[in-house]
Amino acid sequence: MRVGQVILFSKDKLLLSRFLSDLFDLMPSVDEDAIRIKGANISFLIIEREKLAFSGSSNIIDFFVDSIEEIEAMHKKVEFIYYRYDIKDLDGESNKTVPSIKNSQEGSFFFITDPDNRRWKISFFKS
């Protein structure tokens, strides 16, 4: 089984596409009324629909990295992205503080929030 494209509704498709492009080092392309961000193993289709943007905000999208160094590099990248895009929290306040990396017996992880307040989890699990 493989994951098909992930369809994300957004209040600002340009902002979300830039956020995800920077996060995953992928190039966006315009696809009719949407923006597509595609890599070898993932494809996002971002559609601007403000009313639907928050309906999926309770979902958490989890991504796995292969090493502790990679999770630390992603964490540094997220610090820069939060600052660059002035990510707001649910109350509309600037959220320039990236959540810390949490460690458990199974591995390490941290959560981030995108411009539509959708939560993402970046994880590394020891094999």
N, C-alpha and C. Protein backbone atom coordinates (compact mmCIF):
# COMPACT_ATOMS: atom_id res chain seq x y z
N MET A 1 0.85 -1.18 0.00
CA MET A 1 0.00 0.00 0.00
C MET A 1 0.89 1.23 0.00
N ARG A 2 0.46 2.26 -0.73
CA ARG A 2 1.17 3.53 -0.77
C ARG A 2 0.19 4.64 -0.46
N VAL A 3 0.69 5.74 0.03
CA VAL A 3 -0.14 6.91 0.27
C VAL A 3 -0.26 7.67 -1.04
N GLY A 4 -1.49 8.02 -1.41
CA GLY A 4 -1.69 8.86 -2.58
C GLY A 4 -1.40 10.29 -2.21
N GLN A 5 -1.97 11.22 -2.95
CA GLN A 5 -1.73 12.61 -2.58
C GLN A 5 -2.55 13.00 -1.36
N VAL A 6 -2.00 13.89 -0.59
CA VAL A 6 -2.67 14.44 0.58
C VAL A 6 -3.31 15.75 0.13
N ILE A 7 -4.62 15.84 0.26
CA ILE A 7 -5.34 17.05 -0.14
C ILE A 7 -5.55 17.91 1.10
N LEU A 8 -5.06 19.14 1.03
CA LEU A 8 -5.15 20.07 2.15
C LEU A 8 -5.94 21.31 1.72
N PHE A 9 -6.95 21.66 2.50
CA PHE A 9 -7.67 22.90 2.26
C PHE A 9 -7.00 23.99 3.09
N SER A 10 -6.94 25.19 2.53
CA SER A 10 -6.22 26.28 3.18
C SER A 10 -6.95 27.59 3.00
N LYS A 11 -6.76 28.49 3.95
CA LYS A 11 -7.29 29.85 3.80
C LYS A 11 -6.38 30.68 2.91
N ASP A 12 -5.11 30.24 2.74
CA ASP A 12 -4.14 30.94 1.90
C ASP A 12 -3.22 29.90 1.27
N LYS A 13 -3.58 29.44 0.07
CA LYS A 13 -2.84 28.34 -0.56
C LYS A 13 -1.39 28.71 -0.87
N LEU A 14 -1.12 29.98 -1.16
CA LEU A 14 0.26 30.39 -1.44
C LEU A 14 1.13 30.29 -0.18
N LEU A 15 0.62 30.77 0.93
CA LEU A 15 1.37 30.71 2.18
C LEU A 15 1.62 29.27 2.59
N LEU A 16 0.58 28.43 2.56
CA LEU A 16 0.75 27.04 2.95
C LEU A 16 1.71 26.31 2.01
N SER A 17 1.62 26.59 0.72
CA SER A 17 2.53 25.92 -0.23
C SER A 17 3.98 26.33 0.01
N ARG A 18 4.23 27.60 0.34
CA ARG A 18 5.60 28.03 0.64
C ARG A 18 6.09 27.38 1.93
N PHE A 19 5.22 27.30 2.94
CA PHE A 19 5.55 26.66 4.21
C PHE A 19 5.97 25.21 3.98
N LEU A 20 5.14 24.46 3.25
CA LEU A 20 5.43 23.04 3.02
C LEU A 20 6.62 22.84 2.08
N SER A 21 6.77 23.73 1.11
CA SER A 21 7.92 23.65 0.21
C SER A 21 9.22 23.81 0.99
N ASP A 22 9.25 24.77 1.89
CA ASP A 22 10.44 24.97 2.72
C ASP A 22 10.66 23.80 3.68
N LEU A 23 9.59 23.30 4.26
CA LEU A 23 9.70 22.22 5.23
C LEU A 23 10.24 20.94 4.59
N PHE A 24 9.73 20.60 3.42
CA PHE A 24 10.10 19.33 2.79
C PHE A 24 11.05 19.48 1.61
N ASP A 25 11.56 20.68 1.38
CA ASP A 25 12.48 20.94 0.27
C ASP A 25 11.92 20.45 -1.07
N LEU A 26 10.68 20.86 -1.36
CA LEU A 26 10.01 20.49 -2.60
C LEU A 26 9.58 21.74 -3.35
N MET A 27 9.47 21.63 -4.66
CA MET A 27 9.07 22.76 -5.49
C MET A 27 7.57 22.71 -5.75
N PRO A 28 6.86 23.82 -5.54
CA PRO A 28 5.42 23.85 -5.85
C PRO A 28 5.19 24.11 -7.33
N SER A 29 4.04 23.68 -7.81
CA SER A 29 3.62 24.00 -9.17
C SER A 29 2.12 24.27 -9.16
N VAL A 30 1.69 25.20 -10.00
CA VAL A 30 0.27 25.54 -10.08
C VAL A 30 -0.43 24.47 -10.90
N ASP A 31 -1.56 24.00 -10.39
CA ASP A 31 -2.33 22.95 -11.05
C ASP A 31 -3.79 23.41 -11.07
N GLU A 32 -4.16 24.15 -12.10
CA GLU A 32 -5.49 24.78 -12.23
C GLU A 32 -5.75 25.68 -11.03
N ASP A 33 -6.73 25.38 -10.19
CA ASP A 33 -7.07 26.23 -9.05
C ASP A 33 -6.30 25.86 -7.78
N ALA A 34 -5.42 24.89 -7.88
CA ALA A 34 -4.71 24.40 -6.71
C ALA A 34 -3.20 24.53 -6.92
N ILE A 35 -2.47 24.24 -5.86
CA ILE A 35 -1.01 24.18 -5.93
C ILE A 35 -0.59 22.78 -5.54
N ARG A 36 0.26 22.19 -6.34
CA ARG A 36 0.75 20.84 -6.08
C ARG A 36 2.21 20.92 -5.63
N ILE A 37 2.51 20.16 -4.59
CA ILE A 37 3.88 20.02 -4.10
C ILE A 37 4.14 18.52 -4.11
N LYS A 38 5.09 18.12 -4.93
CA LYS A 38 5.29 16.69 -5.13
C LYS A 38 6.75 16.31 -4.99
N GLY A 39 6.99 15.21 -4.31
CA GLY A 39 8.31 14.63 -4.18
C GLY A 39 8.25 13.17 -4.56
N ALA A 40 9.34 12.47 -4.37
CA ALA A 40 9.40 11.05 -4.73
C ALA A 40 8.40 10.20 -3.96
N ASN A 41 8.18 10.55 -2.68
CA ASN A 41 7.34 9.70 -1.83
C ASN A 41 6.09 10.39 -1.28
N ILE A 42 5.87 11.64 -1.66
CA ILE A 42 4.72 12.38 -1.11
C ILE A 42 4.22 13.38 -2.13
N SER A 43 2.93 13.61 -2.10
CA SER A 43 2.33 14.62 -2.97
C SER A 43 1.23 15.33 -2.20
N PHE A 44 1.30 16.66 -2.17
CA PHE A 44 0.28 17.48 -1.54
C PHE A 44 -0.46 18.25 -2.62
N LEU A 45 -1.76 18.34 -2.52
CA LEU A 45 -2.56 19.19 -3.37
C LEU A 45 -3.24 20.20 -2.44
N ILE A 46 -2.92 21.47 -2.61
CA ILE A 46 -3.43 22.51 -1.72
C ILE A 46 -4.50 23.31 -2.45
N ILE A 47 -5.68 23.33 -1.86
CA ILE A 47 -6.83 24.00 -2.45
C ILE A 47 -7.28 25.10 -1.50
N GLU A 48 -7.48 26.29 -2.03
CA GLU A 48 -7.88 27.42 -1.19
C GLU A 48 -9.38 27.39 -0.97
N ARG A 49 -9.78 27.01 0.23
CA ARG A 49 -11.18 26.99 0.65
C ARG A 49 -11.20 27.33 2.14
N GLU A 50 -11.41 28.61 2.42
CA GLU A 50 -11.31 29.08 3.81
C GLU A 50 -12.26 28.33 4.74
N LYS A 51 -13.50 28.08 4.29
CA LYS A 51 -14.47 27.41 5.15
C LYS A 51 -14.05 25.98 5.50
N LEU A 52 -13.31 25.33 4.61
CA LEU A 52 -12.89 23.96 4.87
C LEU A 52 -11.51 23.86 5.52
N ALA A 53 -10.80 24.97 5.58
CA ALA A 53 -9.41 24.95 6.06
C ALA A 53 -9.31 24.45 7.50
N PHE A 54 -10.27 24.76 8.33
CA PHE A 54 -10.17 24.38 9.74
C PHE A 54 -10.91 23.09 10.07
N SER A 55 -11.63 22.52 9.11
CA SER A 55 -12.38 21.31 9.40
C SER A 55 -11.47 20.12 9.69
N GLY A 56 -10.25 20.13 9.17
CA GLY A 56 -9.32 19.04 9.42
C GLY A 56 -8.28 19.37 10.46
N SER A 57 -8.48 20.45 11.21
CA SER A 57 -7.43 20.89 12.13
C SER A 57 -7.23 19.94 13.31
N SER A 58 -8.15 19.00 13.55
CA SER A 58 -7.94 18.05 14.64
C SER A 58 -7.11 16.85 14.20
N ASN A 59 -6.85 16.73 12.91
CA ASN A 59 -6.00 15.65 12.41
C ASN A 59 -4.53 15.99 12.67
N ILE A 60 -3.73 14.96 12.89
CA ILE A 60 -2.29 15.14 13.01
C ILE A 60 -1.64 14.31 11.93
N ILE A 61 -0.77 14.94 11.15
CA ILE A 61 -0.05 14.24 10.09
C ILE A 61 1.33 13.95 10.63
N ASP A 62 1.73 12.68 10.62
CA ASP A 62 2.98 12.23 11.22
C ASP A 62 3.97 11.83 10.13
N PHE A 63 5.19 12.37 10.21
CA PHE A 63 6.26 12.03 9.28
C PHE A 63 7.41 11.43 10.07
N PHE A 64 8.06 10.44 9.47
CA PHE A 64 9.17 9.76 10.13
C PHE A 64 10.47 10.08 9.44
N VAL A 65 11.50 10.35 10.22
CA VAL A 65 12.85 10.57 9.69
C VAL A 65 13.70 9.37 10.10
N ASP A 66 14.88 9.25 9.48
CA ASP A 66 15.70 8.05 9.63
C ASP A 66 16.78 8.13 10.70
N SER A 67 17.03 9.32 11.26
CA SER A 67 18.10 9.43 12.25
C SER A 67 17.82 10.58 13.22
N ILE A 68 18.52 10.53 14.34
CA ILE A 68 18.40 11.61 15.32
C ILE A 68 18.94 12.92 14.74
N GLU A 69 19.97 12.82 13.89
CA GLU A 69 20.53 14.01 13.25
C GLU A 69 19.50 14.65 12.32
N GLU A 70 18.72 13.82 11.65
CA GLU A 70 17.70 14.34 10.74
C GLU A 70 16.57 15.04 11.49
N ILE A 71 16.17 14.51 12.63
CA ILE A 71 15.11 15.17 13.40
C ILE A 71 15.63 16.50 13.95
N GLU A 72 16.89 16.55 14.36
CA GLU A 72 17.48 17.81 14.84
C GLU A 72 17.58 18.83 13.72
N ALA A 73 17.94 18.38 12.50
CA ALA A 73 18.01 19.29 11.35
C ALA A 73 16.61 19.81 10.99
N MET A 74 15.60 18.94 11.04
CA MET A 74 14.22 19.38 10.78
C MET A 74 13.78 20.40 11.83
N HIS A 75 14.16 20.17 13.06
CA HIS A 75 13.78 21.09 14.14
C HIS A 75 14.38 22.47 13.90
N LYS A 76 15.64 22.53 13.48
CA LYS A 76 16.27 23.83 13.16
C LYS A 76 15.59 24.49 11.97
N LYS A 77 15.21 23.70 10.98
CA LYS A 77 14.52 24.23 9.82
C LYS A 77 13.16 24.82 10.22
N VAL A 78 12.46 24.15 11.11
CA VAL A 78 11.16 24.63 11.58
C VAL A 78 11.32 25.94 12.35
N GLU A 79 12.38 26.07 13.14
CA GLU A 79 12.63 27.34 13.84
C GLU A 79 12.70 28.49 12.85
N PHE A 80 13.42 28.28 11.76
CA PHE A 80 13.55 29.31 10.73
C PHE A 80 12.20 29.57 10.05
N ILE A 81 11.47 28.52 9.71
CA ILE A 81 10.18 28.66 9.02
C ILE A 81 9.18 29.41 9.90
N TYR A 82 9.13 29.10 11.19
CA TYR A 82 8.22 29.81 12.11
C TYR A 82 8.53 31.30 12.10
N TYR A 83 9.80 31.62 12.16
CA TYR A 83 10.19 33.03 12.15
C TYR A 83 9.84 33.67 10.81
N ARG A 84 10.18 33.00 9.71
CA ARG A 84 9.98 33.56 8.37
C ARG A 84 8.52 33.83 8.05
N TYR A 85 7.64 32.90 8.41
CA TYR A 85 6.23 33.04 8.04
C TYR A 85 5.35 33.57 9.17
N ASP A 86 5.95 33.94 10.29
CA ASP A 86 5.20 34.52 11.41
C ASP A 86 3.97 33.65 11.73
N ILE A 87 4.21 32.39 12.01
CA ILE A 87 3.13 31.44 12.30
C ILE A 87 2.40 31.88 13.57
N LYS A 88 1.08 31.86 13.50
CA LYS A 88 0.23 32.27 14.63
C LYS A 88 -0.30 31.03 15.34
N ASP A 89 -0.56 31.17 16.63
CA ASP A 89 -1.20 30.08 17.35
C ASP A 89 -2.72 30.19 17.18
N LEU A 90 -3.47 29.32 17.86
CA LEU A 90 -4.92 29.29 17.69
C LEU A 90 -5.59 30.58 18.14
N ASP A 91 -4.94 31.35 19.03
CA ASP A 91 -5.50 32.62 19.49
C ASP A 91 -5.08 33.80 18.63
N GLY A 92 -4.34 33.54 17.54
CA GLY A 92 -3.92 34.60 16.64
C GLY A 92 -2.65 35.31 17.08
N GLU A 93 -2.00 34.80 18.12
CA GLU A 93 -0.76 35.39 18.61
C GLU A 93 0.42 34.80 17.83
N SER A 94 1.47 35.61 17.62
CA SER A 94 2.66 35.10 16.96
C SER A 94 3.24 33.95 17.75
N ASN A 95 3.56 32.88 17.05
CA ASN A 95 4.09 31.69 17.69
C ASN A 95 5.49 31.44 17.16
N LYS A 96 6.45 32.18 17.66
CA LYS A 96 7.82 32.07 17.18
C LYS A 96 8.59 31.00 17.93
N THR A 97 7.99 30.41 18.94
CA THR A 97 8.67 29.38 19.71
C THR A 97 8.30 28.01 19.17
N VAL A 98 9.29 27.31 18.68
CA VAL A 98 9.07 25.97 18.17
C VAL A 98 9.01 25.02 19.35
N PRO A 99 8.02 24.12 19.37
CA PRO A 99 7.97 23.15 20.47
C PRO A 99 9.27 22.35 20.53
N SER A 100 9.64 21.97 21.73
CA SER A 100 10.90 21.24 21.90
C SER A 100 10.76 19.80 21.44
N ILE A 101 11.90 19.19 21.18
CA ILE A 101 11.93 17.77 20.83
C ILE A 101 11.68 16.97 22.11
N LYS A 102 10.72 16.08 22.04
CA LYS A 102 10.39 15.21 23.18
C LYS A 102 11.09 13.87 22.96
N ASN A 103 11.56 13.28 24.05
CA ASN A 103 12.23 11.98 23.97
C ASN A 103 11.46 10.95 24.78
N SER A 104 11.32 9.77 24.21
CA SER A 104 10.69 8.66 24.90
C SER A 104 11.57 7.43 24.71
N GLN A 105 11.18 6.31 25.27
CA GLN A 105 11.96 5.09 25.11
C GLN A 105 12.00 4.65 23.64
N GLU A 106 10.94 4.94 22.92
CA GLU A 106 10.85 4.52 21.52
C GLU A 106 11.63 5.44 20.57
N GLY A 107 11.81 6.70 20.95
CA GLY A 107 12.49 7.63 20.07
C GLY A 107 12.21 9.08 20.42
N SER A 108 12.29 9.94 19.41
CA SER A 108 12.12 11.39 19.61
C SER A 108 11.08 11.93 18.63
N PHE A 109 10.42 13.03 19.02
CA PHE A 109 9.41 13.64 18.15
C PHE A 109 9.17 15.07 18.57
N PHE A 110 8.57 15.84 17.68
CA PHE A 110 8.07 17.17 18.02
C PHE A 110 6.91 17.50 17.11
N PHE A 111 6.07 18.43 17.56
CA PHE A 111 4.90 18.87 16.82
C PHE A 111 5.13 20.26 16.26
N ILE A 112 4.58 20.53 15.10
CA ILE A 112 4.57 21.88 14.54
C ILE A 112 3.16 22.20 14.09
N THR A 113 2.91 23.48 13.88
CA THR A 113 1.60 23.94 13.43
C THR A 113 1.80 24.73 12.15
N ASP A 114 0.99 24.43 11.12
CA ASP A 114 1.12 25.15 9.85
C ASP A 114 0.28 26.43 9.87
N PRO A 115 0.30 27.23 8.82
CA PRO A 115 -0.46 28.49 8.82
C PRO A 115 -1.97 28.34 8.98
N ASP A 116 -2.51 27.15 8.73
CA ASP A 116 -3.94 26.90 8.93
C ASP A 116 -4.22 26.22 10.26
N ASN A 117 -3.24 26.22 11.16
CA ASN A 117 -3.34 25.59 12.49
C ASN A 117 -3.51 24.08 12.43
N ARG A 118 -3.07 23.48 11.36
CA ARG A 118 -3.04 22.03 11.22
C ARG A 118 -1.78 21.53 11.92
N ARG A 119 -1.88 20.44 12.67
CA ARG A 119 -0.71 19.93 13.40
C ARG A 119 0.01 18.86 12.60
N TRP A 120 1.33 18.91 12.69
CA TRP A 120 2.21 17.96 12.03
C TRP A 120 3.15 17.41 13.10
N LYS A 121 3.48 16.16 12.97
CA LYS A 121 4.40 15.53 13.93
C LYS A 121 5.58 14.99 13.14
N ILE A 122 6.78 15.30 13.60
CA ILE A 122 8.00 14.79 13.01
C ILE A 122 8.60 13.83 14.03
N SER A 123 8.83 12.58 13.62
CA SER A 123 9.25 11.55 14.56
C SER A 123 10.46 10.77 14.08
N PHE A 124 11.25 10.33 15.04
CA PHE A 124 12.33 9.37 14.79
C PHE A 124 12.15 8.26 15.81
N PHE A 125 12.02 7.03 15.32
CA PHE A 125 11.91 5.88 16.21
C PHE A 125 13.10 4.97 16.00
N LYS A 126 13.72 4.60 17.11
CA LYS A 126 14.86 3.70 17.04
C LYS A 126 14.38 2.34 16.54
N SER A 127 15.19 1.72 15.71
CA SER A 127 14.77 0.40 15.20
C SER A 127 15.31 -0.73 16.03
